[in-house]
Amino acid sequence: MSSNPTPPAGAPPGNATAAPGPATVELALELRQILVPLDFSAHAMKALHYATGFARLSGAKLILLHVTEPIVYPSDFGYVPLPPNTLEENFQRDARDRLEAVAAEQVKAGVTCEVALRLGKPYHEIAAAAREHQVDLVVITTHGYTGLTHVLLGSTAERVVRHAPCPVLVVRYQETESAPAKTENAPAAG
């Protein structure tokens, strides 16, 4: 019997019990372009915060995307999309201005950015933009809908995960940044 056990497949040579450290771990995902869908909510800005961190670490370009759903009105035959009008054009112009302002902040912070505006169903347009731009990662957030609201509205993030051609990082709605520090002299709760 040998006293040196065989390391598991894929383990680094040498000491098989040593934990991998920063020098031995390689990033398995090379990030060149990161897609960040933005609806300008606080939740979406949290996803942007995460994406910016990844972009800084990897040197990736951020693609900031806003999707506007077409305006429809009820008719005798169901819902019909409105022809392009001033209201929809104003929404598009406002969204582009807001995207460009967010991109300018990222550029000031040293992150390369591009903006994209699309019209359609958000999950479909996000997945299509990911394919067209050949992104390496989509960073999206949930809005935290539960129960009947989730059933009726669905989850854009879930649909993006199913349809995107690349990995998707879903930033949780109520995730905490870090746990509060405990102090030894703090009074006991209760």
N, C-alpha and C. Protein backbone atom coordinates (compact mmCIF):
# COMPACT_ATOMS: atom_id res chain seq x y z
N MET A 1 0.83 -1.18 0.00
CA MET A 1 0.00 0.00 0.00
C MET A 1 0.87 1.23 0.00
N SER A 2 0.49 2.24 -0.77
CA SER A 2 1.27 3.46 -0.88
C SER A 2 0.86 4.44 0.21
N SER A 3 1.83 5.19 0.73
CA SER A 3 1.52 6.18 1.76
C SER A 3 1.11 7.51 1.15
N ASN A 4 1.33 7.69 -0.15
CA ASN A 4 0.92 8.91 -0.83
C ASN A 4 -0.37 8.67 -1.60
N PRO A 5 -1.48 9.20 -1.10
CA PRO A 5 -2.73 8.99 -1.84
C PRO A 5 -2.72 9.74 -3.16
N THR A 6 -3.43 9.21 -4.11
CA THR A 6 -3.54 9.85 -5.42
C THR A 6 -4.50 11.03 -5.30
N PRO A 7 -4.05 12.21 -5.76
CA PRO A 7 -4.95 13.37 -5.67
C PRO A 7 -6.15 13.19 -6.59
N PRO A 8 -7.29 13.78 -6.25
CA PRO A 8 -8.47 13.66 -7.12
C PRO A 8 -8.21 14.29 -8.48
N ALA A 9 -8.98 13.84 -9.45
CA ALA A 9 -8.84 14.37 -10.81
C ALA A 9 -9.02 15.88 -10.79
N GLY A 10 -8.16 16.59 -11.47
CA GLY A 10 -8.24 18.04 -11.55
C GLY A 10 -7.55 18.77 -10.41
N ALA A 11 -7.06 18.02 -9.41
CA ALA A 11 -6.38 18.65 -8.27
C ALA A 11 -4.98 19.07 -8.70
N PRO A 12 -4.45 20.15 -8.10
CA PRO A 12 -3.10 20.58 -8.46
C PRO A 12 -2.07 19.57 -8.00
N PRO A 13 -0.96 19.43 -8.72
CA PRO A 13 0.06 18.50 -8.31
C PRO A 13 0.70 18.98 -7.00
N GLY A 14 1.34 18.07 -6.32
CA GLY A 14 2.02 18.44 -5.07
C GLY A 14 1.15 18.10 -3.89
N ASN A 15 1.11 18.97 -2.91
CA ASN A 15 0.36 18.73 -1.69
C ASN A 15 -1.13 18.80 -2.00
N ALA A 16 -1.79 17.66 -2.00
CA ALA A 16 -3.20 17.58 -2.37
C ALA A 16 -4.11 18.15 -1.30
N THR A 17 -3.61 18.36 -0.08
CA THR A 17 -4.46 18.87 0.97
C THR A 17 -4.41 20.39 1.08
N ALA A 18 -3.50 21.03 0.35
CA ALA A 18 -3.39 22.49 0.43
C ALA A 18 -4.58 23.15 -0.24
N ALA A 19 -5.15 24.14 0.44
CA ALA A 19 -6.26 24.88 -0.14
C ALA A 19 -5.74 25.80 -1.23
N PRO A 20 -6.47 25.93 -2.32
CA PRO A 20 -6.00 26.82 -3.37
C PRO A 20 -6.01 28.26 -2.88
N GLY A 21 -4.99 28.98 -3.22
CA GLY A 21 -4.88 30.39 -2.84
C GLY A 21 -4.99 31.24 -4.08
N PRO A 22 -4.87 32.55 -3.92
CA PRO A 22 -5.00 33.45 -5.07
C PRO A 22 -4.02 33.14 -6.19
N ALA A 23 -2.85 32.62 -5.87
CA ALA A 23 -1.86 32.33 -6.90
C ALA A 23 -2.18 31.07 -7.67
N THR A 24 -3.03 30.19 -7.12
CA THR A 24 -3.30 28.92 -7.79
C THR A 24 -4.66 28.86 -8.46
N VAL A 25 -5.53 29.85 -8.23
CA VAL A 25 -6.87 29.83 -8.80
C VAL A 25 -6.91 30.74 -10.03
N GLU A 26 -7.41 30.20 -11.12
CA GLU A 26 -7.56 31.00 -12.33
C GLU A 26 -9.03 31.32 -12.51
N LEU A 27 -9.31 32.50 -13.01
CA LEU A 27 -10.68 32.88 -13.32
C LEU A 27 -11.12 32.07 -14.53
N ALA A 28 -12.17 31.29 -14.35
CA ALA A 28 -12.64 30.42 -15.42
C ALA A 28 -13.44 31.18 -16.48
N LEU A 29 -13.86 32.39 -16.15
CA LEU A 29 -14.69 33.17 -17.06
C LEU A 29 -13.96 34.44 -17.43
N GLU A 30 -13.60 34.57 -18.69
CA GLU A 30 -12.94 35.79 -19.16
C GLU A 30 -14.02 36.79 -19.53
N LEU A 31 -13.99 37.94 -18.86
CA LEU A 31 -15.01 38.96 -19.09
C LEU A 31 -14.47 40.07 -19.98
N ARG A 32 -15.08 40.22 -21.15
CA ARG A 32 -14.73 41.31 -22.05
C ARG A 32 -15.86 42.33 -22.14
N GLN A 33 -17.11 41.83 -22.10
CA GLN A 33 -18.28 42.70 -22.19
C GLN A 33 -19.33 42.20 -21.20
N ILE A 34 -19.88 43.14 -20.42
CA ILE A 34 -20.89 42.83 -19.42
C ILE A 34 -22.13 43.65 -19.74
N LEU A 35 -23.26 42.97 -19.89
CA LEU A 35 -24.53 43.64 -20.17
C LEU A 35 -25.26 43.91 -18.86
N VAL A 36 -25.70 45.16 -18.68
CA VAL A 36 -26.43 45.54 -17.47
C VAL A 36 -27.75 46.18 -17.89
N PRO A 37 -28.86 45.42 -17.79
CA PRO A 37 -30.16 46.01 -18.09
C PRO A 37 -30.55 46.98 -16.97
N LEU A 38 -30.95 48.19 -17.34
CA LEU A 38 -31.32 49.20 -16.35
C LEU A 38 -32.73 49.72 -16.59
N ASP A 39 -33.52 49.72 -15.52
CA ASP A 39 -34.82 50.41 -15.57
C ASP A 39 -34.77 51.64 -14.67
N PHE A 40 -33.59 51.96 -14.18
CA PHE A 40 -33.30 53.13 -13.36
C PHE A 40 -33.85 53.03 -11.94
N SER A 41 -34.31 51.85 -11.54
CA SER A 41 -34.76 51.65 -10.16
C SER A 41 -33.55 51.49 -9.25
N ALA A 42 -33.77 51.59 -7.95
CA ALA A 42 -32.68 51.37 -6.99
C ALA A 42 -32.14 49.95 -7.11
N HIS A 43 -33.02 49.02 -7.42
CA HIS A 43 -32.60 47.62 -7.57
C HIS A 43 -31.63 47.48 -8.75
N ALA A 44 -31.96 48.09 -9.86
CA ALA A 44 -31.11 48.01 -11.04
C ALA A 44 -29.77 48.69 -10.80
N MET A 45 -29.77 49.77 -10.04
CA MET A 45 -28.52 50.46 -9.75
C MET A 45 -27.62 49.60 -8.86
N LYS A 46 -28.22 48.73 -8.04
CA LYS A 46 -27.44 47.80 -7.24
C LYS A 46 -26.75 46.79 -8.16
N ALA A 47 -27.46 46.32 -9.18
CA ALA A 47 -26.85 45.41 -10.15
C ALA A 47 -25.71 46.11 -10.88
N LEU A 48 -25.89 47.39 -11.19
CA LEU A 48 -24.83 48.16 -11.84
C LEU A 48 -23.59 48.24 -10.95
N HIS A 49 -23.80 48.38 -9.65
CA HIS A 49 -22.69 48.42 -8.70
C HIS A 49 -21.86 47.13 -8.80
N TYR A 50 -22.54 45.99 -8.83
CA TYR A 50 -21.84 44.70 -8.96
C TYR A 50 -21.11 44.61 -10.30
N ALA A 51 -21.80 44.99 -11.37
CA ALA A 51 -21.21 44.91 -12.70
C ALA A 51 -19.98 45.80 -12.81
N THR A 52 -20.04 46.98 -12.20
CA THR A 52 -18.90 47.89 -12.22
C THR A 52 -17.69 47.26 -11.53
N GLY A 53 -17.92 46.58 -10.43
CA GLY A 53 -16.83 45.88 -9.74
C GLY A 53 -16.19 44.83 -10.62
N PHE A 54 -17.02 44.03 -11.31
CA PHE A 54 -16.48 43.02 -12.22
C PHE A 54 -15.72 43.67 -13.38
N ALA A 55 -16.25 44.76 -13.89
CA ALA A 55 -15.60 45.45 -15.01
C ALA A 55 -14.24 45.99 -14.59
N ARG A 56 -14.16 46.54 -13.40
CA ARG A 56 -12.87 47.06 -12.92
C ARG A 56 -11.85 45.93 -12.74
N LEU A 57 -12.30 44.80 -12.21
CA LEU A 57 -11.39 43.67 -11.99
C LEU A 57 -10.89 43.06 -13.28
N SER A 58 -11.76 43.01 -14.28
CA SER A 58 -11.43 42.29 -15.51
C SER A 58 -11.08 43.19 -16.68
N GLY A 59 -11.35 44.49 -16.55
CA GLY A 59 -11.12 45.40 -17.68
C GLY A 59 -12.21 45.31 -18.73
N ALA A 60 -13.35 44.71 -18.38
CA ALA A 60 -14.45 44.54 -19.32
C ALA A 60 -15.18 45.86 -19.58
N LYS A 61 -15.83 45.91 -20.73
CA LYS A 61 -16.67 47.05 -21.09
C LYS A 61 -18.09 46.77 -20.59
N LEU A 62 -18.74 47.79 -20.03
CA LEU A 62 -20.14 47.67 -19.64
C LEU A 62 -21.02 48.12 -20.80
N ILE A 63 -22.06 47.35 -21.05
CA ILE A 63 -23.08 47.76 -22.00
C ILE A 63 -24.35 47.99 -21.18
N LEU A 64 -24.73 49.25 -21.09
CA LEU A 64 -25.91 49.63 -20.31
C LEU A 64 -27.12 49.63 -21.24
N LEU A 65 -28.11 48.82 -20.90
CA LEU A 65 -29.27 48.61 -21.78
C LEU A 65 -30.55 49.02 -21.08
N HIS A 66 -31.38 49.75 -21.79
CA HIS A 66 -32.74 50.04 -21.31
C HIS A 66 -33.71 49.54 -22.37
N VAL A 67 -34.73 48.82 -21.91
CA VAL A 67 -35.76 48.31 -22.82
C VAL A 67 -37.07 49.00 -22.48
N THR A 68 -37.69 49.57 -23.51
CA THR A 68 -39.01 50.19 -23.36
C THR A 68 -40.02 49.29 -24.04
N GLU A 69 -41.10 49.00 -23.32
CA GLU A 69 -42.16 48.19 -23.93
C GLU A 69 -43.03 49.10 -24.79
N PRO A 70 -43.49 48.58 -25.94
CA PRO A 70 -44.34 49.40 -26.81
C PRO A 70 -45.64 49.78 -26.08
N ILE A 71 -46.12 50.97 -26.34
CA ILE A 71 -47.38 51.42 -25.76
C ILE A 71 -48.51 50.80 -26.57
N VAL A 72 -49.48 50.20 -25.86
CA VAL A 72 -50.62 49.58 -26.53
C VAL A 72 -51.91 50.17 -25.96
N TYR A 73 -52.97 50.10 -26.72
CA TYR A 73 -54.26 50.56 -26.23
C TYR A 73 -55.31 49.51 -26.55
N PRO A 74 -56.37 49.44 -25.73
CA PRO A 74 -57.42 48.45 -25.99
C PRO A 74 -58.26 48.84 -27.20
N SER A 75 -58.68 47.85 -27.94
CA SER A 75 -59.58 48.08 -29.07
C SER A 75 -60.65 47.00 -29.05
N ASP A 76 -61.50 47.01 -30.01
CA ASP A 76 -62.54 45.99 -30.09
C ASP A 76 -61.96 44.61 -30.37
N PHE A 77 -60.74 44.56 -30.89
CA PHE A 77 -60.13 43.29 -31.28
C PHE A 77 -58.97 42.90 -30.38
N GLY A 78 -58.91 43.44 -29.17
CA GLY A 78 -57.80 43.14 -28.27
C GLY A 78 -56.93 44.37 -28.10
N TYR A 79 -55.68 44.16 -27.75
CA TYR A 79 -54.74 45.26 -27.57
C TYR A 79 -53.93 45.46 -28.83
N VAL A 80 -53.85 46.70 -29.25
CA VAL A 80 -53.16 47.03 -30.49
C VAL A 80 -52.03 48.01 -30.17
N PRO A 81 -50.83 47.78 -30.71
CA PRO A 81 -49.76 48.76 -30.46
C PRO A 81 -50.08 50.10 -31.10
N LEU A 82 -49.72 51.14 -30.40
CA LEU A 82 -49.90 52.48 -30.96
C LEU A 82 -48.81 52.75 -31.99
N PRO A 83 -49.13 53.48 -33.03
CA PRO A 83 -48.06 53.88 -33.94
C PRO A 83 -47.10 54.82 -33.21
N PRO A 84 -45.86 54.92 -33.67
CA PRO A 84 -44.92 55.81 -32.99
C PRO A 84 -45.54 57.19 -32.81
N ASN A 85 -45.44 57.69 -31.59
CA ASN A 85 -46.02 58.99 -31.31
C ASN A 85 -45.08 59.79 -30.42
N THR A 86 -45.52 60.97 -30.12
CA THR A 86 -44.70 61.87 -29.32
C THR A 86 -44.42 61.31 -27.94
N LEU A 87 -45.43 60.69 -27.31
CA LEU A 87 -45.25 60.14 -25.97
C LEU A 87 -44.16 59.07 -25.95
N GLU A 88 -44.23 58.12 -26.89
CA GLU A 88 -43.23 57.05 -26.95
C GLU A 88 -41.85 57.62 -27.28
N GLU A 89 -41.80 58.57 -28.18
CA GLU A 89 -40.52 59.20 -28.52
C GLU A 89 -39.93 59.93 -27.32
N ASN A 90 -40.78 60.56 -26.51
CA ASN A 90 -40.30 61.23 -25.29
C ASN A 90 -39.74 60.22 -24.30
N PHE A 91 -40.41 59.06 -24.15
CA PHE A 91 -39.90 58.01 -23.27
C PHE A 91 -38.52 57.55 -23.73
N GLN A 92 -38.38 57.34 -25.03
CA GLN A 92 -37.10 56.88 -25.59
C GLN A 92 -36.00 57.92 -25.38
N ARG A 93 -36.33 59.18 -25.64
CA ARG A 93 -35.34 60.26 -25.48
C ARG A 93 -34.92 60.39 -24.01
N ASP A 94 -35.89 60.33 -23.10
CA ASP A 94 -35.60 60.41 -21.67
C ASP A 94 -34.72 59.24 -21.23
N ALA A 95 -35.04 58.04 -21.70
CA ALA A 95 -34.25 56.86 -21.34
C ALA A 95 -32.81 56.99 -21.86
N ARG A 96 -32.65 57.46 -23.09
CA ARG A 96 -31.30 57.63 -23.65
C ARG A 96 -30.51 58.65 -22.84
N ASP A 97 -31.14 59.77 -22.47
CA ASP A 97 -30.46 60.79 -21.67
C ASP A 97 -30.02 60.22 -20.33
N ARG A 98 -30.90 59.45 -19.69
CA ARG A 98 -30.56 58.86 -18.39
C ARG A 98 -29.45 57.83 -18.52
N LEU A 99 -29.51 56.99 -19.59
CA LEU A 99 -28.45 56.00 -19.81
C LEU A 99 -27.11 56.69 -20.03
N GLU A 100 -27.11 57.73 -20.83
CA GLU A 100 -25.86 58.44 -21.11
C GLU A 100 -25.30 59.10 -19.86
N ALA A 101 -26.18 59.58 -18.97
CA ALA A 101 -25.71 60.17 -17.71
C ALA A 101 -25.07 59.10 -16.83
N VAL A 102 -25.68 57.92 -16.76
CA VAL A 102 -25.11 56.82 -15.96
C VAL A 102 -23.78 56.38 -16.58
N ALA A 103 -23.73 56.29 -17.90
CA ALA A 103 -22.48 55.90 -18.58
C ALA A 103 -21.38 56.91 -18.31
N ALA A 104 -21.71 58.19 -18.31
CA ALA A 104 -20.71 59.23 -18.06
C ALA A 104 -20.12 59.07 -16.65
N GLU A 105 -20.95 58.71 -15.67
CA GLU A 105 -20.45 58.48 -14.32
C GLU A 105 -19.48 57.30 -14.30
N GLN A 106 -19.79 56.25 -15.05
CA GLN A 106 -18.93 55.08 -15.09
C GLN A 106 -17.60 55.41 -15.76
N VAL A 107 -17.65 56.20 -16.83
CA VAL A 107 -16.43 56.59 -17.54
C VAL A 107 -15.53 57.42 -16.62
N LYS A 108 -16.14 58.33 -15.83
CA LYS A 108 -15.36 59.11 -14.86
C LYS A 108 -14.65 58.20 -13.86
N ALA A 109 -15.28 57.08 -13.54
CA ALA A 109 -14.70 56.12 -12.60
C ALA A 109 -13.72 55.17 -13.28
N GLY A 110 -13.47 55.36 -14.57
CA GLY A 110 -12.48 54.55 -15.27
C GLY A 110 -13.00 53.30 -15.93
N VAL A 111 -14.32 53.17 -16.10
CA VAL A 111 -14.92 51.99 -16.72
C VAL A 111 -15.42 52.36 -18.11
N THR A 112 -15.06 51.56 -19.11
CA THR A 112 -15.53 51.78 -20.48
C THR A 112 -16.99 51.39 -20.57
N CYS A 113 -17.80 52.24 -21.22
CA CYS A 113 -19.25 52.01 -21.31
C CYS A 113 -19.77 52.25 -22.71
N GLU A 114 -20.88 51.60 -22.97
CA GLU A 114 -21.65 51.81 -24.19
C GLU A 114 -23.11 51.77 -23.77
N VAL A 115 -23.96 52.52 -24.45
CA VAL A 115 -25.39 52.49 -24.12
C VAL A 115 -26.16 51.88 -25.28
N ALA A 116 -27.26 51.22 -24.94
CA ALA A 116 -28.12 50.60 -25.95
C ALA A 116 -29.57 50.77 -25.49
N LEU A 117 -30.41 51.06 -26.44
CA LEU A 117 -31.83 51.25 -26.17
C LEU A 117 -32.60 50.34 -27.11
N ARG A 118 -33.57 49.59 -26.57
CA ARG A 118 -34.35 48.67 -27.39
C ARG A 118 -35.82 48.81 -27.06
N LEU A 119 -36.65 48.39 -27.98
CA LEU A 119 -38.10 48.43 -27.83
C LEU A 119 -38.63 47.01 -27.94
N GLY A 120 -39.39 46.55 -26.93
CA GLY A 120 -39.95 45.21 -26.96
C GLY A 120 -40.15 44.66 -25.57
N LYS A 121 -40.35 43.35 -25.48
CA LYS A 121 -40.47 42.67 -24.19
C LYS A 121 -39.09 42.63 -23.54
N PRO A 122 -38.96 43.07 -22.29
CA PRO A 122 -37.63 43.17 -21.68
C PRO A 122 -36.80 41.89 -21.73
N TYR A 123 -37.35 40.74 -21.30
CA TYR A 123 -36.52 39.53 -21.27
C TYR A 123 -36.04 39.15 -22.66
N HIS A 124 -36.91 39.31 -23.66
CA HIS A 124 -36.55 38.95 -25.03
C HIS A 124 -35.46 39.87 -25.56
N GLU A 125 -35.62 41.16 -25.32
CA GLU A 125 -34.65 42.14 -25.83
C GLU A 125 -33.31 42.04 -25.10
N ILE A 126 -33.34 41.72 -23.81
CA ILE A 126 -32.09 41.54 -23.05
C ILE A 126 -31.32 40.35 -23.61
N ALA A 127 -32.01 39.23 -23.82
CA ALA A 127 -31.34 38.04 -24.36
C ALA A 127 -30.84 38.31 -25.78
N ALA A 128 -31.62 39.02 -26.59
CA ALA A 128 -31.20 39.34 -27.96
C ALA A 128 -29.98 40.26 -27.95
N ALA A 129 -29.98 41.25 -27.07
CA ALA A 129 -28.82 42.16 -26.97
C ALA A 129 -27.58 41.40 -26.52
N ALA A 130 -27.75 40.45 -25.61
CA ALA A 130 -26.62 39.64 -25.14
C ALA A 130 -26.02 38.86 -26.31
N ARG A 131 -26.88 38.32 -27.17
CA ARG A 131 -26.39 37.59 -28.34
C ARG A 131 -25.70 38.53 -29.33
N GLU A 132 -26.36 39.63 -29.66
CA GLU A 132 -25.83 40.56 -30.67
C GLU A 132 -24.50 41.19 -30.25
N HIS A 133 -24.37 41.51 -28.97
CA HIS A 133 -23.14 42.14 -28.48
C HIS A 133 -22.09 41.11 -28.04
N GLN A 134 -22.46 39.83 -28.10
CA GLN A 134 -21.58 38.73 -27.69
C GLN A 134 -21.01 38.99 -26.29
N VAL A 135 -21.92 39.27 -25.35
CA VAL A 135 -21.48 39.56 -23.99
C VAL A 135 -21.08 38.28 -23.27
N ASP A 136 -20.25 38.45 -22.28
CA ASP A 136 -19.76 37.31 -21.50
C ASP A 136 -20.55 37.11 -20.21
N LEU A 137 -21.29 38.14 -19.79
CA LEU A 137 -22.05 38.08 -18.55
C LEU A 137 -23.16 39.11 -18.59
N VAL A 138 -24.33 38.72 -18.08
CA VAL A 138 -25.43 39.66 -17.86
C VAL A 138 -25.56 39.80 -16.35
N VAL A 139 -25.63 41.03 -15.86
CA VAL A 139 -25.85 41.28 -14.44
C VAL A 139 -27.19 41.97 -14.31
N ILE A 140 -28.14 41.30 -13.66
CA ILE A 140 -29.52 41.78 -13.56
C ILE A 140 -29.97 41.61 -12.12
N THR A 141 -30.98 42.36 -11.75
CA THR A 141 -31.52 42.25 -10.40
C THR A 141 -32.95 41.76 -10.43
N THR A 142 -33.39 41.27 -9.28
CA THR A 142 -34.80 40.93 -9.13
C THR A 142 -35.48 42.13 -8.46
N HIS A 143 -36.77 42.21 -8.62
CA HIS A 143 -37.52 43.27 -7.94
C HIS A 143 -38.18 42.76 -6.67
N GLY A 144 -38.03 41.47 -6.40
CA GLY A 144 -38.54 40.93 -5.15
C GLY A 144 -40.03 40.66 -5.12
N TYR A 145 -40.67 40.56 -6.29
CA TYR A 145 -42.09 40.25 -6.30
C TYR A 145 -42.30 38.83 -5.78
N THR A 146 -43.35 38.65 -5.00
CA THR A 146 -43.69 37.32 -4.51
C THR A 146 -45.18 37.11 -4.70
N GLY A 147 -45.62 35.89 -4.45
CA GLY A 147 -47.04 35.56 -4.48
C GLY A 147 -47.71 35.85 -5.80
N LEU A 148 -48.92 36.40 -5.71
CA LEU A 148 -49.74 36.63 -6.90
C LEU A 148 -49.09 37.62 -7.86
N THR A 149 -48.43 38.65 -7.32
CA THR A 149 -47.76 39.63 -8.19
C THR A 149 -46.70 38.93 -9.04
N HIS A 150 -45.93 38.02 -8.43
CA HIS A 150 -44.91 37.28 -9.19
C HIS A 150 -45.57 36.40 -10.25
N VAL A 151 -46.67 35.76 -9.89
CA VAL A 151 -47.36 34.89 -10.85
C VAL A 151 -47.90 35.70 -12.02
N LEU A 152 -48.51 36.85 -11.74
CA LEU A 152 -49.11 37.66 -12.80
C LEU A 152 -48.08 38.39 -13.64
N LEU A 153 -47.07 38.98 -13.00
CA LEU A 153 -46.08 39.75 -13.75
C LEU A 153 -44.91 38.90 -14.23
N GLY A 154 -44.70 37.75 -13.59
CA GLY A 154 -43.56 36.92 -13.96
C GLY A 154 -42.28 37.55 -13.49
N SER A 155 -41.20 36.95 -13.83
CA SER A 155 -39.90 37.48 -13.45
C SER A 155 -39.04 37.64 -14.69
N THR A 156 -38.72 38.89 -14.98
CA THR A 156 -37.83 39.15 -16.12
C THR A 156 -36.50 38.45 -15.90
N ALA A 157 -35.98 38.51 -14.67
CA ALA A 157 -34.68 37.89 -14.38
C ALA A 157 -34.73 36.38 -14.66
N GLU A 158 -35.79 35.71 -14.24
CA GLU A 158 -35.90 34.26 -14.49
C GLU A 158 -35.91 33.97 -15.99
N ARG A 159 -36.64 34.76 -16.73
CA ARG A 159 -36.72 34.55 -18.18
C ARG A 159 -35.39 34.83 -18.86
N VAL A 160 -34.67 35.84 -18.38
CA VAL A 160 -33.35 36.13 -18.94
C VAL A 160 -32.41 34.96 -18.68
N VAL A 161 -32.46 34.40 -17.47
CA VAL A 161 -31.61 33.24 -17.15
C VAL A 161 -31.90 32.10 -18.13
N ARG A 162 -33.17 31.88 -18.46
CA ARG A 162 -33.52 30.78 -19.37
C ARG A 162 -33.14 31.05 -20.82
N HIS A 163 -33.14 32.32 -21.25
CA HIS A 163 -32.96 32.62 -22.67
C HIS A 163 -31.62 33.23 -23.04
N ALA A 164 -30.85 33.69 -22.09
CA ALA A 164 -29.57 34.35 -22.40
C ALA A 164 -28.55 33.33 -22.89
N PRO A 165 -27.67 33.73 -23.81
CA PRO A 165 -26.67 32.82 -24.35
C PRO A 165 -25.39 32.77 -23.51
N CYS A 166 -25.40 33.41 -22.34
CA CYS A 166 -24.20 33.50 -21.51
C CYS A 166 -24.61 33.39 -20.05
N PRO A 167 -23.63 33.32 -19.14
CA PRO A 167 -23.97 33.30 -17.71
C PRO A 167 -24.70 34.58 -17.31
N VAL A 168 -25.59 34.44 -16.32
CA VAL A 168 -26.36 35.57 -15.80
C VAL A 168 -26.17 35.61 -14.29
N LEU A 169 -25.73 36.76 -13.80
CA LEU A 169 -25.63 36.97 -12.36
C LEU A 169 -26.88 37.72 -11.93
N VAL A 170 -27.67 37.09 -11.06
CA VAL A 170 -28.89 37.72 -10.56
C VAL A 170 -28.60 38.25 -9.16
N VAL A 171 -28.69 39.56 -9.02
CA VAL A 171 -28.46 40.21 -7.74
C VAL A 171 -29.79 40.22 -7.00
N ARG A 172 -29.79 39.64 -5.82
CA ARG A 172 -31.03 39.52 -5.05
C ARG A 172 -31.53 40.88 -4.60
N TYR A 173 -32.83 40.97 -4.53
CA TYR A 173 -33.52 42.20 -4.15
C TYR A 173 -33.11 42.68 -2.76
N GLN A 174 -33.13 41.79 -1.76
CA GLN A 174 -32.86 42.21 -0.39
C GLN A 174 -31.54 41.67 0.15
N GLU A 175 -30.60 41.44 -0.70
CA GLU A 175 -29.31 40.95 -0.24
C GLU A 175 -28.63 42.02 0.60
N THR A 176 -27.99 41.59 1.66
CA THR A 176 -27.25 42.54 2.50
C THR A 176 -25.82 42.60 2.03
N GLU A 177 -25.23 43.78 2.13
CA GLU A 177 -23.84 43.95 1.71
C GLU A 177 -22.90 43.24 2.67
N SER A 178 -23.16 43.33 3.98
CA SER A 178 -22.35 42.63 4.97
C SER A 178 -23.14 42.56 6.26
N ALA A 179 -22.77 41.62 7.10
CA ALA A 179 -23.43 41.47 8.38
C ALA A 179 -22.94 42.55 9.34
N PRO A 180 -23.82 43.06 10.20
CA PRO A 180 -23.37 44.09 11.15
C PRO A 180 -22.33 43.50 12.11
N ALA A 181 -21.36 44.32 12.47
CA ALA A 181 -20.31 43.86 13.39
C ALA A 181 -20.88 43.71 14.78
N LYS A 182 -20.45 42.67 15.49
CA LYS A 182 -20.87 42.46 16.86
C LYS A 182 -19.89 43.15 17.78
N THR A 183 -20.41 43.75 18.83
CA THR A 183 -19.54 44.34 19.84
C THR A 183 -19.72 43.58 21.13
N GLU A 184 -18.64 43.41 21.86
CA GLU A 184 -18.68 42.62 23.09
C GLU A 184 -19.45 43.31 24.19
N ASN A 185 -19.46 44.64 24.25
CA ASN A 185 -20.10 45.35 25.33
C ASN A 185 -21.52 45.82 25.00
N ALA A 186 -22.07 45.37 23.91
CA ALA A 186 -23.42 45.77 23.52
C ALA A 186 -24.42 45.10 24.45
N PRO A 187 -25.48 45.82 24.84
CA PRO A 187 -26.49 45.22 25.71
C PRO A 187 -27.22 44.11 24.99
N ALA A 188 -27.61 43.11 25.73
CA ALA A 188 -28.34 41.96 25.17
C ALA A 188 -29.71 42.40 24.72
N ALA A 189 -30.13 41.92 23.57
CA ALA A 189 -31.46 42.24 23.06
C ALA A 189 -32.49 41.43 23.82
N GLY A 190 -33.63 42.01 24.05
CA GLY A 190 -34.65 41.16 24.62
C GLY A 190 -35.37 41.81 25.66
